[in-house]
Amino acid sequence: MNPDTGHLFRLRRGEDAPEGTEILPDDLQRYAELKARMVAGVKVGYGPGTGEPVAKVNLRSSTPLAKWAKKKRLERIRNKSRRVNRGRK
């Protein structure tokens, strides 16, 4: 999943993930699979292994996937801020 855009990707084993994506923890894999199935039933999605988005998570919601993405974004901002502030001392 890309934490910045909310796009979910379905990849085959050994396939490289697109830039900016992070692998979901095992406990969130089921949510992602359910979301991808729901979207596939509503509209034609992209096939597995194409590296194209399969579904998109609403990042403003309070679902477990959205909370995980928010945590990842804030963690990245926090780490960048720490690197910048270390150089100022």
C-alpha atoms as a PDB file:
ATOM      1  CA  MET A   1       0.000   0.000   0.000  1.00  0.00           C
ATOM      2  CA  ASN A   2       1.131   3.507  -0.688  1.00  0.00           C
ATOM      3  CA  PRO A   3       0.584   5.404   2.601  1.00  0.00           C
ATOM      4  CA  ASP A   4       0.554   8.768   0.819  1.00  0.00           C
ATOM      5  CA  THR A   5      -2.134   8.026  -1.768  1.00  0.00           C
ATOM      6  CA  GLY A   6      -3.974   5.075  -0.235  1.00  0.00           C
ATOM      7  CA  HIS A   7      -3.529   2.847  -3.290  1.00  0.00           C
ATOM      8  CA  LEU A   8      -3.435  -0.877  -2.632  1.00  0.00           C
ATOM      9  CA  PHE A   9      -1.281  -3.062  -4.844  1.00  0.00           C
ATOM     10  CA  ARG A  10      -1.437  -6.801  -5.395  1.00  0.00           C
ATOM     11  CA  LEU A  11       1.943  -8.219  -6.314  1.00  0.00           C
ATOM     12  CA  ARG A  12       3.180 -11.661  -7.218  1.00  0.00           C
ATOM     13  CA  ARG A  13       5.986 -13.272  -5.259  1.00  0.00           C
ATOM     14  CA  GLY A  14       9.356 -11.824  -6.159  1.00  0.00           C
ATOM     15  CA  GLU A  15       7.844  -8.831  -7.940  1.00  0.00           C
ATOM     16  CA  ASP A  16       9.146  -5.401  -6.965  1.00  0.00           C
ATOM     17  CA  ALA A  17       6.686  -2.960  -5.448  1.00  0.00           C
ATOM     18  CA  PRO A  18       6.227   0.470  -7.061  1.00  0.00           C
ATOM     19  CA  GLU A  19       8.135   3.342  -5.489  1.00  0.00           C
ATOM     20  CA  GLY A  20       6.583   4.757  -2.331  1.00  0.00           C
ATOM     21  CA  THR A  21       4.782   1.577  -1.327  1.00  0.00           C
ATOM     22  CA  GLU A  22       5.139  -0.288   1.927  1.00  0.00           C
ATOM     23  CA  ILE A  23       4.264  -3.873   2.730  1.00  0.00           C
ATOM     24  CA  LEU A  24       1.306  -4.197   5.060  1.00  0.00           C
ATOM     25  CA  PRO A  25       1.703  -6.082   8.343  1.00  0.00           C
ATOM     26  CA  ASP A  26       0.182  -9.563   8.442  1.00  0.00           C
ATOM     27  CA  ASP A  27      -2.790  -8.485  10.558  1.00  0.00           C
ATOM     28  CA  LEU A  28      -3.827  -5.894   7.915  1.00  0.00           C
ATOM     29  CA  GLN A  29      -3.426  -8.192   4.906  1.00  0.00           C
ATOM     30  CA  ARG A  30      -6.967  -9.502   5.389  1.00  0.00           C
ATOM     31  CA  TYR A  31      -8.451  -5.976   5.376  1.00  0.00           C
ATOM     32  CA  ALA A  32      -6.568  -5.186   2.181  1.00  0.00           C
ATOM     33  CA  GLU A  33      -7.757  -8.395   0.526  1.00  0.00           C
ATOM     34  CA  LEU A  34     -11.373  -7.660   1.479  1.00  0.00           C
ATOM     35  CA  LYS A  35     -11.068  -4.114   0.152  1.00  0.00           C
ATOM     36  CA  ALA A  36      -9.613  -5.357  -3.146  1.00  0.00           C
ATOM     37  CA  ARG A  37     -12.400  -7.952  -3.508  1.00  0.00           C
ATOM     38  CA  MET A  38     -15.057  -5.347  -2.774  1.00  0.00           C
ATOM     39  CA  VAL A  39     -13.691  -2.989  -5.417  1.00  0.00           C
ATOM     40  CA  ALA A  40     -13.303  -5.806  -7.960  1.00  0.00           C
ATOM     41  CA  GLY A  41     -16.976  -6.631  -7.526  1.00  0.00           C
ATOM     42  CA  VAL A  42     -18.046  -3.043  -8.074  1.00  0.00           C
ATOM     43  CA  LYS A  43     -15.837  -2.083 -11.015  1.00  0.00           C
ATOM     44  CA  VAL A  44     -13.198  -3.639 -13.202  1.00  0.00           C
ATOM     45  CA  GLY A  45      -9.917  -3.426 -11.328  1.00  0.00           C
ATOM     46  CA  TYR A  46      -6.438  -4.256 -12.456  1.00  0.00           C
ATOM     47  CA  GLY A  47      -5.210  -7.809 -12.501  1.00  0.00           C
ATOM     48  CA  PRO A  48      -2.817  -9.271  -9.968  1.00  0.00           C
ATOM     49  CA  GLY A  49       0.846  -8.745 -10.626  1.00  0.00           C
ATOM     50  CA  THR A  50       0.439  -5.765 -12.934  1.00  0.00           C
ATOM     51  CA  GLY A  51       1.859  -3.308 -10.416  1.00  0.00           C
ATOM     52  CA  GLU A  52      -1.208  -1.148 -10.964  1.00  0.00           C
ATOM     53  CA  PRO A  53      -3.527  -0.031  -8.154  1.00  0.00           C
ATOM     54  CA  VAL A  54      -6.195  -2.574  -7.279  1.00  0.00           C
ATOM     55  CA  ALA A  55      -8.115  -0.423  -4.804  1.00  0.00           C
ATOM     56  CA  LYS A  56      -7.850   2.864  -2.972  1.00  0.00           C
ATOM     57  CA  VAL A  57      -8.295   3.386   0.763  1.00  0.00           C
ATOM     58  CA  ASN A  58      -9.990   6.538   2.031  1.00  0.00           C
ATOM     59  CA  LEU A  59      -7.213   8.047   4.138  1.00  0.00           C
ATOM     60  CA  ARG A  60      -9.644  10.255   6.073  1.00  0.00           C
ATOM     61  CA  SER A  61     -11.616   7.319   7.431  1.00  0.00           C
ATOM     62  CA  SER A  62     -10.988   5.487  10.675  1.00  0.00           C
ATOM     63  CA  THR A  63     -10.442   2.028   9.190  1.00  0.00           C
ATOM     64  CA  PRO A  64      -7.395   0.011  10.280  1.00  0.00           C
ATOM     65  CA  LEU A  65      -5.748   0.532   6.868  1.00  0.00           C
ATOM     66  CA  ALA A  66      -6.194   4.312   7.066  1.00  0.00           C
ATOM     67  CA  LYS A  67      -4.837   4.401  10.623  1.00  0.00           C
ATOM     68  CA  TRP A  68      -1.779   2.378   9.561  1.00  0.00           C
ATOM     69  CA  ALA A  69      -1.149   4.728   6.616  1.00  0.00           C
ATOM     70  CA  LYS A  70      -1.433   7.789   8.869  1.00  0.00           C
ATOM     71  CA  LYS A  71       1.019   6.262  11.334  1.00  0.00           C
ATOM     72  CA  LYS A  72       3.507   5.606   8.506  1.00  0.00           C
ATOM     73  CA  ARG A  73       3.181   9.151   7.136  1.00  0.00           C
ATOM     74  CA  LEU A  74       3.676  10.729  10.573  1.00  0.00           C
ATOM     75  CA  GLU A  75       6.614   8.416  11.262  1.00  0.00           C
ATOM     76  CA  ARG A  76       8.295   9.532   8.019  1.00  0.00           C
ATOM     77  CA  ILE A  77       7.737  13.220   8.869  1.00  0.00           C
ATOM     78  CA  ARG A  78       9.033  12.697  12.407  1.00  0.00           C
ATOM     79  CA  ASN A  79      12.180  10.954  11.176  1.00  0.00           C
ATOM     80  CA  LYS A  80      12.868  13.677   8.594  1.00  0.00           C
ATOM     81  CA  SER A  81      12.455  16.363  11.259  1.00  0.00           C
ATOM     82  CA  ARG A  82      14.889  14.568  13.553  1.00  0.00           C
ATOM     83  CA  ARG A  83      17.497  14.366  10.793  1.00  0.00           C
ATOM     84  CA  VAL A  84      17.154  18.071  10.096  1.00  0.00           C
ATOM     85  CA  ASN A  85      17.318  19.057  13.765  1.00  0.00           C
ATOM     86  CA  ARG A  86      20.426  16.939  14.399  1.00  0.00           C
ATOM     87  CA  GLY A  87      22.317  19.061  11.917  1.00  0.00           C
ATOM     88  CA  ARG A  88      21.451  22.299  13.725  1.00  0.00           C
ATOM     89  CA  LYS A  89      23.279  21.499  16.956  1.00  0.00           C
END
